[in-house]
Amino acid sequence: MHRFTSRVGLCALIVWGAVTACGDSVDQAQPSRGQQEETAPSSGEASPDRAVVWANDYCGAISELVRSVSEMPIIDPSSPRRASETSGELLEVMVGGLDRTLDRLDSLGAPPVEGAERVRRDAVATYTDIREHARAALEELHGAEGAEASRDAVSSVRKPLDDLGGVDLLAGLDTVPALREASKQAPACRMLTDEDPKPRIDSPGS
């Protein structure tokens, strides 16, 4: 599997520590949303170059999220106020990265092979769902009044972090043989896998 490095797991673990130091944690889950209908390519096969370009653009979109993860601040559990402030900063960076990833996924070119649109659509659904969780947690943080509400709001940050930690970044490409091979030649995909063949974000307990 191709996942992120351990930074999100570290952030989620600090969320857990911050909440348990101040009170009980509460996880918030929200339903996922469906996405766009399948658009089949004009033919079952495409030139290797088309597949490589498409895979490279796909991985470029994912790289926006990877970049945002590397820029996420660590949550400061020294006090409820600092935990809330730094949790909000983390979520803002996370949402920004998800926004950029989704924008680029939405602007991908025509699917070069059968199954490519399904890969794109599934990725859009996954990242949209995580973004909604992150936005909901951010709204809860901004609206929290009082120590107990702040503790609950900080605990809700763990949900989108855990969701992101469970994402297999290139799983979709791996399900389509032509895209799997193309990803081996695409520079943006190789940047995701060359340093670590199984990049991931580890959630606590994984």
Protein backbone atom coordinates (compact mmCIF):
# COMPACT_ATOMS: atom_id res chain seq x y z
CA MET A 1 0.00 0.00 0.00
CA HIS A 2 1.07 3.57 -0.60
CA ARG A 3 0.28 5.84 2.32
CA PHE A 4 1.71 8.88 4.04
CA THR A 5 4.53 9.17 6.56
CA SER A 6 3.94 9.25 10.31
CA ARG A 7 3.23 12.98 10.78
CA VAL A 8 -0.56 12.69 10.91
CA GLY A 9 -0.30 9.81 13.33
CA LEU A 10 1.84 11.98 15.57
CA CYS A 11 -0.68 14.82 15.37
CA ALA A 12 -3.57 12.48 16.14
CA LEU A 13 -1.67 11.01 19.08
CA ILE A 14 -1.10 14.51 20.47
CA VAL A 15 -4.82 15.22 20.06
CA TRP A 16 -5.52 12.15 22.15
CA GLY A 17 -3.02 13.24 24.78
CA ALA A 18 -4.37 16.78 24.88
CA VAL A 19 -7.94 15.59 25.34
CA THR A 20 -7.22 12.91 27.92
CA ALA A 21 -5.18 15.43 29.89
CA CYS A 22 -8.20 17.73 30.06
CA GLY A 23 -11.18 15.35 29.82
CA ASP A 24 -12.82 12.59 27.78
CA SER A 25 -12.59 12.49 23.98
CA VAL A 26 -15.51 12.46 21.54
CA ASP A 27 -15.21 11.27 17.93
CA GLN A 28 -17.59 12.72 15.34
CA ALA A 29 -18.49 10.81 12.18
CA GLN A 30 -20.38 12.12 9.19
CA PRO A 31 -21.72 10.27 6.14
CA SER A 32 -19.74 10.17 2.94
CA ARG A 33 -21.14 11.71 -0.22
CA GLY A 34 -21.50 10.21 -3.68
CA GLN A 35 -19.72 11.70 -6.63
CA GLN A 36 -19.85 12.12 -10.38
CA GLU A 37 -21.06 9.51 -12.86
CA GLU A 38 -18.60 7.31 -14.73
CA THR A 39 -17.35 8.66 -18.05
CA ALA A 40 -15.88 5.87 -20.15
CA PRO A 41 -12.99 6.56 -22.53
CA SER A 42 -13.62 6.35 -26.25
CA SER A 43 -11.65 3.14 -26.49
CA GLY A 44 -10.53 0.41 -24.15
CA GLU A 45 -6.85 1.21 -24.64
CA ALA A 46 -4.74 4.33 -24.88
CA SER A 47 -1.17 5.09 -25.84
CA PRO A 48 1.31 4.63 -22.99
CA ASP A 49 2.12 8.35 -23.20
CA ARG A 50 -1.50 9.35 -22.53
CA ALA A 51 -1.68 7.02 -19.56
CA VAL A 52 1.60 8.36 -18.16
CA VAL A 53 0.45 11.98 -18.50
CA TRP A 54 -2.84 11.19 -16.78
CA ALA A 55 -1.16 9.23 -13.97
CA ASN A 56 1.35 12.04 -13.50
CA ASP A 57 -1.43 14.61 -13.19
CA TYR A 58 -3.30 12.35 -10.77
CA CYS A 59 -0.23 11.95 -8.56
CA GLY A 60 0.41 15.68 -8.83
CA ALA A 61 -3.02 16.24 -7.32
CA ILE A 62 -2.24 13.85 -4.47
CA SER A 63 1.09 15.61 -3.93
CA GLU A 64 -0.79 18.76 -2.91
CA LEU A 65 -2.16 16.89 0.08
CA VAL A 66 1.20 15.31 0.88
CA ARG A 67 2.74 18.79 0.86
CA SER A 68 0.09 20.11 3.24
CA VAL A 69 0.72 17.22 5.63
CA SER A 70 4.41 18.14 5.75
CA GLU A 71 3.40 21.70 6.68
CA MET A 72 0.85 20.86 9.38
CA PRO A 73 1.78 22.31 12.78
CA ILE A 74 2.04 20.04 15.77
CA ILE A 75 -0.78 20.46 18.28
CA ASP A 76 0.38 22.12 21.51
CA PRO A 77 -1.25 20.30 24.46
CA SER A 78 0.22 22.62 27.09
CA SER A 79 -3.19 24.18 27.79
CA PRO A 80 -6.77 23.85 26.51
CA ARG A 81 -6.48 27.23 24.80
CA ARG A 82 -3.25 26.34 22.99
CA ALA A 83 -4.60 22.91 22.07
CA SER A 84 -7.65 24.56 20.51
CA GLU A 85 -5.63 27.22 18.68
CA THR A 86 -3.07 24.84 17.22
CA SER A 87 -5.75 22.28 16.34
CA GLY A 88 -7.47 24.98 14.31
CA GLU A 89 -4.22 25.88 12.57
CA LEU A 90 -3.63 22.23 11.71
CA LEU A 91 -7.12 21.82 10.26
CA GLU A 92 -6.80 24.97 8.17
CA VAL A 93 -3.62 23.63 6.56
CA MET A 94 -5.26 20.24 6.07
CA VAL A 95 -8.38 21.70 4.44
CA GLY A 96 -6.23 23.86 2.18
CA GLY A 97 -4.34 20.82 0.96
CA LEU A 98 -7.56 18.90 0.39
CA ASP A 99 -9.01 21.84 -1.54
CA ARG A 100 -6.01 21.92 -3.86
CA THR A 101 -6.05 18.15 -4.33
CA LEU A 102 -9.75 18.14 -5.19
CA ASP A 103 -9.38 21.08 -7.58
CA ARG A 104 -6.67 19.25 -9.48
CA LEU A 105 -8.58 15.96 -9.50
CA ASP A 106 -11.60 17.79 -10.90
CA SER A 107 -9.48 19.22 -13.71
CA LEU A 108 -7.85 15.96 -14.79
CA GLY A 109 -7.92 15.31 -18.53
CA ALA A 110 -10.07 12.72 -20.29
CA PRO A 111 -9.59 9.21 -18.88
CA PRO A 112 -7.01 7.44 -21.06
CA VAL A 113 -8.16 3.89 -20.29
CA GLU A 114 -11.22 2.12 -18.95
CA GLY A 115 -11.28 2.41 -15.17
CA ALA A 116 -9.43 5.72 -14.98
CA GLU A 117 -12.59 7.75 -14.36
CA ARG A 118 -13.59 5.35 -11.60
CA VAL A 119 -10.17 5.91 -9.99
CA ARG A 120 -10.64 9.68 -10.15
CA ARG A 121 -14.21 9.54 -8.92
CA ASP A 122 -13.36 7.31 -5.95
CA ALA A 123 -10.48 9.60 -4.96
CA VAL A 124 -12.75 12.65 -5.15
CA ALA A 125 -15.32 10.91 -2.94
CA THR A 126 -12.69 9.90 -0.37
CA TYR A 127 -11.04 13.31 -0.09
CA THR A 128 -14.34 15.19 -0.14
CA ASP A 129 -15.54 13.12 2.81
CA ILE A 130 -12.34 13.79 4.77
CA ARG A 131 -12.57 17.50 3.97
CA GLU A 132 -16.14 17.62 5.29
CA HIS A 133 -15.00 16.00 8.54
CA ALA A 134 -12.15 18.50 8.82
CA ARG A 135 -14.42 21.47 8.12
CA ALA A 136 -16.94 20.26 10.69
CA ALA A 137 -14.21 19.92 13.30
CA LEU A 138 -12.90 23.39 12.45
CA GLU A 139 -16.37 24.90 12.81
CA GLU A 140 -16.77 23.19 16.16
CA LEU A 141 -13.44 24.61 17.33
CA HIS A 142 -14.40 28.13 16.26
CA GLY A 143 -17.77 27.88 17.99
CA ALA A 144 -16.58 26.28 21.23
CA GLU A 145 -17.22 28.29 24.37
CA GLY A 146 -15.96 27.12 27.73
CA ALA A 147 -13.48 24.45 28.76
CA GLU A 148 -15.74 21.44 28.20
CA ALA A 149 -16.81 22.56 24.73
CA SER A 150 -13.17 23.22 23.84
CA ARG A 151 -12.16 19.72 24.96
CA ASP A 152 -14.91 18.18 22.85
CA ALA A 153 -13.92 20.31 19.87
CA VAL A 154 -10.26 19.34 20.13
CA SER A 155 -11.20 15.67 20.34
CA SER A 156 -13.15 15.96 17.09
CA VAL A 157 -9.90 16.80 15.27
CA ARG A 158 -8.84 13.18 15.58
CA LYS A 159 -11.56 11.94 13.22
CA PRO A 160 -10.25 13.58 10.01
CA LEU A 161 -6.67 12.78 11.02
CA ASP A 162 -7.52 9.10 11.43
CA ASP A 163 -9.44 9.14 8.15
CA LEU A 164 -6.47 10.63 6.35
CA GLY A 165 -4.15 8.12 7.96
CA GLY A 166 -6.23 5.30 6.50
CA VAL A 167 -6.00 6.49 2.90
CA ASP A 168 -4.04 4.31 0.47
CA LEU A 169 -2.74 7.02 -1.84
CA LEU A 170 -2.19 5.05 -5.03
CA ALA A 171 -4.62 2.18 -4.49
CA GLY A 172 -6.82 3.35 -7.35
CA LEU A 173 -3.96 3.35 -9.85
CA ASP A 174 -2.95 -0.12 -8.70
CA THR A 175 -6.38 -1.50 -9.66
CA VAL A 176 -5.94 -0.56 -13.34
CA PRO A 177 -2.96 -2.39 -14.92
CA ALA A 178 -2.27 0.31 -17.53
CA LEU A 179 -2.27 3.03 -14.87
CA ARG A 180 -0.18 0.96 -12.49
CA GLU A 181 2.49 0.63 -15.17
CA ALA A 182 2.14 4.28 -16.17
CA SER A 183 2.65 5.39 -12.56
CA LYS A 184 6.07 3.76 -12.59
CA GLN A 185 7.12 6.19 -15.33
CA ALA A 186 5.27 9.28 -14.08
CA PRO A 187 7.64 11.66 -12.22
CA ALA A 188 4.99 12.84 -9.74
CA CYS A 189 4.10 9.26 -8.83
CA ARG A 190 7.73 8.29 -8.44
CA MET A 191 8.23 11.20 -6.07
CA LEU A 192 5.53 9.69 -3.86
CA THR A 193 7.10 6.23 -3.83
CA ASP A 194 10.86 6.51 -4.43
CA GLU A 195 11.82 7.66 -0.93
CA ASP A 196 9.51 5.13 0.69
CA PRO A 197 7.84 2.44 -1.42
CA LYS A 198 4.97 2.43 1.07
CA PRO A 199 4.49 6.06 2.13
CA ARG A 200 1.71 6.44 4.66
CA ILE A 201 0.34 8.46 7.52
CA ASP A 202 0.21 6.18 10.54
CA SER A 203 -2.73 6.62 12.84
CA PRO A 204 -2.38 5.72 16.51
CA GLY A 205 -2.57 1.98 16.98
CA SER A 206 -1.78 1.12 13.33
